[in-house]
Amino acid sequence: MRHAEWNQVELTVGQLAERSGVAISALHFYERQGLIHSRRTSGNQRRYRRETLRRIALVKIAQRVGIPLAEVRAALDELPNNRMPTRADWERLSQQWHDELELRIKHLEQLRDKFTDCVGCGCLSIDRCRMANPYDELADHGAGPRRLLERSAPKC
């Protein structure tokens, strides 16, 4: 396969895969999901504008932090004419995801720091649970692992 030249405007799917580090099958999936777009040659081969690399980078970063592809697609759909995201676009998109990411960080920190302790599920199946959550007091706050589900975990 021929490597993409720096001034090459369009890339083949193989060149795009090589440069982005994303498998060809994943690129086809991204295209079916509306995350990236291609044109077809007269021989029905896909050609991607070089700017597609930025869209793929944005998708990969969003996936890494757990943003669902549907949300990524909705954000990319806000770009006119499926253009590449600019710095201002990225700032706007990242601000939209800021609160959700903050909440995820908080939940991950809770899991990291408190998972060995009672999570407030009310199951009382662990012998420590009775000491950490006597009389299942967290049940008054609702079902499930209350210390992990609530934005400000109840204290027992």
C-alpha atoms as a PDB file:
ATOM      1  CA  MET A   1       0.000   0.000   0.000  1.00  0.00           C
ATOM      2  CA  ARG A   2       1.207   3.481  -0.848  1.00  0.00           C
ATOM      3  CA  HIS A   3       1.640   5.765   2.174  1.00  0.00           C
ATOM      4  CA  ALA A   4      -0.367   8.955   2.105  1.00  0.00           C
ATOM      5  CA  GLU A   5       1.629  11.983   1.036  1.00  0.00           C
ATOM      6  CA  TRP A   6       1.416  15.105   3.199  1.00  0.00           C
ATOM      7  CA  ASN A   7      -0.333  17.047   0.442  1.00  0.00           C
ATOM      8  CA  GLN A   8      -2.709  14.275  -0.585  1.00  0.00           C
ATOM      9  CA  VAL A   9      -6.268  15.635  -0.352  1.00  0.00           C
ATOM     10  CA  GLU A  10      -8.078  12.275  -0.324  1.00  0.00           C
ATOM     11  CA  LEU A  11      -7.103   9.021   1.326  1.00  0.00           C
ATOM     12  CA  THR A  12      -8.052   5.436   0.587  1.00  0.00           C
ATOM     13  CA  VAL A  13      -9.590   3.445   3.393  1.00  0.00           C
ATOM     14  CA  GLY A  14      -6.261   1.634   3.855  1.00  0.00           C
ATOM     15  CA  GLN A  15      -4.322   4.884   4.091  1.00  0.00           C
ATOM     16  CA  LEU A  16      -6.883   6.284   6.521  1.00  0.00           C
ATOM     17  CA  ALA A  17      -6.648   3.143   8.655  1.00  0.00           C
ATOM     18  CA  GLU A  18      -2.857   3.235   8.650  1.00  0.00           C
ATOM     19  CA  ARG A  19      -2.635   6.917   9.537  1.00  0.00           C
ATOM     20  CA  SER A  20      -5.425   6.927  12.151  1.00  0.00           C
ATOM     21  CA  GLY A  21      -4.535   3.625  13.820  1.00  0.00           C
ATOM     22  CA  VAL A  22      -8.130   2.442  13.390  1.00  0.00           C
ATOM     23  CA  ALA A  23      -8.970  -0.869  11.708  1.00  0.00           C
ATOM     24  CA  ILE A  24     -10.654  -0.734   8.322  1.00  0.00           C
ATOM     25  CA  SER A  25     -13.674  -2.561   9.758  1.00  0.00           C
ATOM     26  CA  ALA A  26     -13.974   0.130  12.451  1.00  0.00           C
ATOM     27  CA  LEU A  27     -13.796   2.865   9.801  1.00  0.00           C
ATOM     28  CA  HIS A  28     -16.629   1.178   7.917  1.00  0.00           C
ATOM     29  CA  PHE A  29     -18.571   1.001  11.182  1.00  0.00           C
ATOM     30  CA  TYR A  30     -17.898   4.708  11.871  1.00  0.00           C
ATOM     31  CA  GLU A  31     -19.194   5.498   8.413  1.00  0.00           C
ATOM     32  CA  ARG A  32     -22.352   3.440   8.906  1.00  0.00           C
ATOM     33  CA  GLN A  33     -22.889   5.311  12.182  1.00  0.00           C
ATOM     34  CA  GLY A  34     -22.546   8.685  10.449  1.00  0.00           C
ATOM     35  CA  LEU A  35     -19.352   9.659  12.279  1.00  0.00           C
ATOM     36  CA  ILE A  36     -17.277   9.964   9.111  1.00  0.00           C
ATOM     37  CA  HIS A  37     -18.152  10.297   5.435  1.00  0.00           C
ATOM     38  CA  SER A  38     -16.599   9.248   2.147  1.00  0.00           C
ATOM     39  CA  ARG A  39     -17.248   9.647  -1.512  1.00  0.00           C
ATOM     40  CA  ARG A  40     -17.210   6.763  -3.962  1.00  0.00           C
ATOM     41  CA  THR A  41     -15.034   6.627  -7.042  1.00  0.00           C
ATOM     42  CA  SER A  42     -16.348   5.378 -10.375  1.00  0.00           C
ATOM     43  CA  GLY A  43     -14.979   1.972  -9.314  1.00  0.00           C
ATOM     44  CA  ASN A  44     -17.027   2.192  -6.056  1.00  0.00           C
ATOM     45  CA  GLN A  45     -13.942   2.672  -3.865  1.00  0.00           C
ATOM     46  CA  ARG A  46     -14.174   4.877  -0.802  1.00  0.00           C
ATOM     47  CA  ARG A  47     -12.202   8.117  -0.675  1.00  0.00           C
ATOM     48  CA  TYR A  48     -11.960  10.162   2.502  1.00  0.00           C
ATOM     49  CA  ARG A  49     -10.929  13.772   2.770  1.00  0.00           C
ATOM     50  CA  ARG A  50      -7.739  14.145   4.783  1.00  0.00           C
ATOM     51  CA  GLU A  51      -9.675  16.141   7.404  1.00  0.00           C
ATOM     52  CA  THR A  52     -11.432  12.907   8.329  1.00  0.00           C
ATOM     53  CA  LEU A  53      -8.366  12.139  10.450  1.00  0.00           C
ATOM     54  CA  ARG A  54      -9.408  14.889  12.881  1.00  0.00           C
ATOM     55  CA  ARG A  55     -12.939  13.515  13.130  1.00  0.00           C
ATOM     56  CA  ILE A  56     -11.527  10.059  13.854  1.00  0.00           C
ATOM     57  CA  ALA A  57      -9.202  11.503  16.503  1.00  0.00           C
ATOM     58  CA  LEU A  58     -12.177  13.180  18.168  1.00  0.00           C
ATOM     59  CA  VAL A  59     -14.128   9.891  18.082  1.00  0.00           C
ATOM     60  CA  LYS A  60     -11.212   7.964  19.586  1.00  0.00           C
ATOM     61  CA  ILE A  61     -10.733  10.506  22.375  1.00  0.00           C
ATOM     62  CA  ALA A  62     -14.453  10.522  23.171  1.00  0.00           C
ATOM     63  CA  GLN A  63     -14.530   6.719  23.220  1.00  0.00           C
ATOM     64  CA  ARG A  64     -11.534   6.620  25.539  1.00  0.00           C
ATOM     65  CA  VAL A  65     -13.411   8.656  28.146  1.00  0.00           C
ATOM     66  CA  GLY A  66     -16.634   6.702  27.666  1.00  0.00           C
ATOM     67  CA  ILE A  67     -18.764   9.122  25.671  1.00  0.00           C
ATOM     68  CA  PRO A  68     -21.320   7.057  23.728  1.00  0.00           C
ATOM     69  CA  LEU A  69     -20.965   7.112  19.946  1.00  0.00           C
ATOM     70  CA  ALA A  70     -24.523   8.417  19.619  1.00  0.00           C
ATOM     71  CA  GLU A  71     -23.496  11.540  21.559  1.00  0.00           C
ATOM     72  CA  VAL A  72     -20.353  11.911  19.455  1.00  0.00           C
ATOM     73  CA  ARG A  73     -22.421  11.639  16.272  1.00  0.00           C
ATOM     74  CA  ALA A  74     -24.904  14.237  17.557  1.00  0.00           C
ATOM     75  CA  ALA A  75     -22.030  16.602  18.331  1.00  0.00           C
ATOM     76  CA  LEU A  76     -20.383  16.059  14.943  1.00  0.00           C
ATOM     77  CA  ASP A  77     -23.740  16.546  13.223  1.00  0.00           C
ATOM     78  CA  GLU A  78     -23.696  20.117  14.533  1.00  0.00           C
ATOM     79  CA  LEU A  79     -20.743  20.870  12.258  1.00  0.00           C
ATOM     80  CA  PRO A  80     -21.911  22.387   8.974  1.00  0.00           C
ATOM     81  CA  ASN A  81     -21.316  20.301   5.845  1.00  0.00           C
ATOM     82  CA  ASN A  82     -19.594  17.582   7.876  1.00  0.00           C
ATOM     83  CA  ARG A  83     -16.476  19.715   8.045  1.00  0.00           C
ATOM     84  CA  MET A  84     -13.546  18.970  10.288  1.00  0.00           C
ATOM     85  CA  PRO A  85     -13.779  20.194  13.883  1.00  0.00           C
ATOM     86  CA  THR A  86     -11.880  23.399  14.620  1.00  0.00           C
ATOM     87  CA  ARG A  87     -10.354  24.408  17.941  1.00  0.00           C
ATOM     88  CA  ALA A  88     -13.509  26.415  18.730  1.00  0.00           C
ATOM     89  CA  ASP A  89     -15.656  23.378  17.871  1.00  0.00           C
ATOM     90  CA  TRP A  90     -13.602  21.162  20.167  1.00  0.00           C
ATOM     91  CA  GLU A  91     -13.841  23.699  23.001  1.00  0.00           C
ATOM     92  CA  ARG A  92     -17.626  23.836  22.582  1.00  0.00           C
ATOM     93  CA  LEU A  93     -17.955  20.039  22.389  1.00  0.00           C
ATOM     94  CA  SER A  94     -15.704  19.429  25.356  1.00  0.00           C
ATOM     95  CA  GLN A  95     -17.655  21.980  27.399  1.00  0.00           C
ATOM     96  CA  GLN A  96     -20.880  20.114  26.559  1.00  0.00           C
ATOM     97  CA  TRP A  97     -19.324  16.927  27.943  1.00  0.00           C
ATOM     98  CA  HIS A  98     -17.629  18.574  30.926  1.00  0.00           C
ATOM     99  CA  ASP A  99     -20.320  17.936  33.558  1.00  0.00           C
ATOM    100  CA  GLU A 100     -20.827  14.335  32.465  1.00  0.00           C
ATOM    101  CA  LEU A 101     -17.084  13.705  32.575  1.00  0.00           C
ATOM    102  CA  GLU A 102     -16.826  15.295  36.027  1.00  0.00           C
ATOM    103  CA  LEU A 103     -19.549  12.947  37.267  1.00  0.00           C
ATOM    104  CA  ARG A 104     -17.784   9.937  35.731  1.00  0.00           C
ATOM    105  CA  ILE A 105     -14.523  10.974  37.369  1.00  0.00           C
ATOM    106  CA  LYS A 106     -16.294  11.231  40.711  1.00  0.00           C
ATOM    107  CA  HIS A 107     -17.827   7.768  40.293  1.00  0.00           C
ATOM    108  CA  LEU A 108     -14.480   6.273  39.289  1.00  0.00           C
ATOM    109  CA  GLU A 109     -12.819   7.848  42.311  1.00  0.00           C
ATOM    110  CA  GLN A 110     -15.564   6.430  44.537  1.00  0.00           C
ATOM    111  CA  LEU A 111     -15.032   2.986  43.041  1.00  0.00           C
ATOM    112  CA  ARG A 112     -11.284   3.269  43.477  1.00  0.00           C
ATOM    113  CA  ASP A 113     -11.436   4.559  47.055  1.00  0.00           C
ATOM    114  CA  LYS A 114     -14.548   2.960  48.534  1.00  0.00           C
ATOM    115  CA  PHE A 115     -15.279  -0.232  46.653  1.00  0.00           C
ATOM    116  CA  THR A 116     -13.673  -2.364  49.348  1.00  0.00           C
ATOM    117  CA  ASP A 117     -16.056  -0.767  51.834  1.00  0.00           C
ATOM    118  CA  CYS A 118     -19.842  -0.970  51.829  1.00  0.00           C
ATOM    119  CA  VAL A 119     -21.416   0.540  48.720  1.00  0.00           C
ATOM    120  CA  GLY A 120     -24.764   0.927  50.410  1.00  0.00           C
ATOM    121  CA  CYS A 121     -26.624  -1.750  48.498  1.00  0.00           C
ATOM    122  CA  GLY A 122     -28.459  -3.083  51.520  1.00  0.00           C
ATOM    123  CA  CYS A 123     -27.560  -6.683  50.683  1.00  0.00           C
ATOM    124  CA  LEU A 124     -25.770  -7.321  53.982  1.00  0.00           C
ATOM    125  CA  SER A 125     -24.053 -10.261  52.311  1.00  0.00           C
ATOM    126  CA  ILE A 126     -20.601  -9.207  53.403  1.00  0.00           C
ATOM    127  CA  ASP A 127     -19.774  -9.494  57.070  1.00  0.00           C
ATOM    128  CA  ARG A 128     -18.406  -5.928  57.082  1.00  0.00           C
ATOM    129  CA  CYS A 129     -21.664  -4.535  55.734  1.00  0.00           C
ATOM    130  CA  ARG A 130     -23.440  -4.613  59.082  1.00  0.00           C
ATOM    131  CA  MET A 131     -20.737  -2.406  60.554  1.00  0.00           C
ATOM    132  CA  ALA A 132     -20.566   0.005  57.621  1.00  0.00           C
ATOM    133  CA  ASN A 133     -24.336   0.191  57.099  1.00  0.00           C
ATOM    134  CA  PRO A 134     -25.999  -0.846  60.355  1.00  0.00           C
ATOM    135  CA  TYR A 135     -29.662  -1.753  60.093  1.00  0.00           C
ATOM    136  CA  ASP A 136     -29.537  -1.046  56.349  1.00  0.00           C
ATOM    137  CA  GLU A 137     -29.895   2.705  56.925  1.00  0.00           C
ATOM    138  CA  LEU A 138     -29.064   3.466  53.315  1.00  0.00           C
ATOM    139  CA  ALA A 139     -32.272   1.762  52.187  1.00  0.00           C
ATOM    140  CA  ASP A 140     -34.059   4.944  53.250  1.00  0.00           C
ATOM    141  CA  HIS A 141     -32.204   6.729  50.423  1.00  0.00           C
ATOM    142  CA  GLY A 142     -33.443   4.384  47.678  1.00  0.00           C
ATOM    143  CA  ALA A 143     -32.623   1.111  45.955  1.00  0.00           C
ATOM    144  CA  GLY A 144     -29.234   0.023  44.690  1.00  0.00           C
ATOM    145  CA  PRO A 145     -25.681   1.011  45.652  1.00  0.00           C
ATOM    146  CA  ARG A 146     -26.545   4.387  47.181  1.00  0.00           C
ATOM    147  CA  ARG A 147     -22.988   5.507  47.931  1.00  0.00           C
ATOM    148  CA  LEU A 148     -22.045   5.075  44.296  1.00  0.00           C
ATOM    149  CA  LEU A 149     -25.260   6.271  42.642  1.00  0.00           C
ATOM    150  CA  GLU A 150     -25.879   9.544  44.398  1.00  0.00           C
ATOM    151  CA  ARG A 151     -24.026  12.736  43.520  1.00  0.00           C
ATOM    152  CA  SER A 152     -23.361  13.360  47.200  1.00  0.00           C
ATOM    153  CA  ALA A 153     -23.143   9.999  48.907  1.00  0.00           C
ATOM    154  CA  PRO A 154     -25.171   9.599  52.110  1.00  0.00           C
ATOM    155  CA  LYS A 155     -23.189   9.040  55.294  1.00  0.00           C
ATOM    156  CA  CYS A 156     -23.944   6.278  57.738  1.00  0.00           C
END
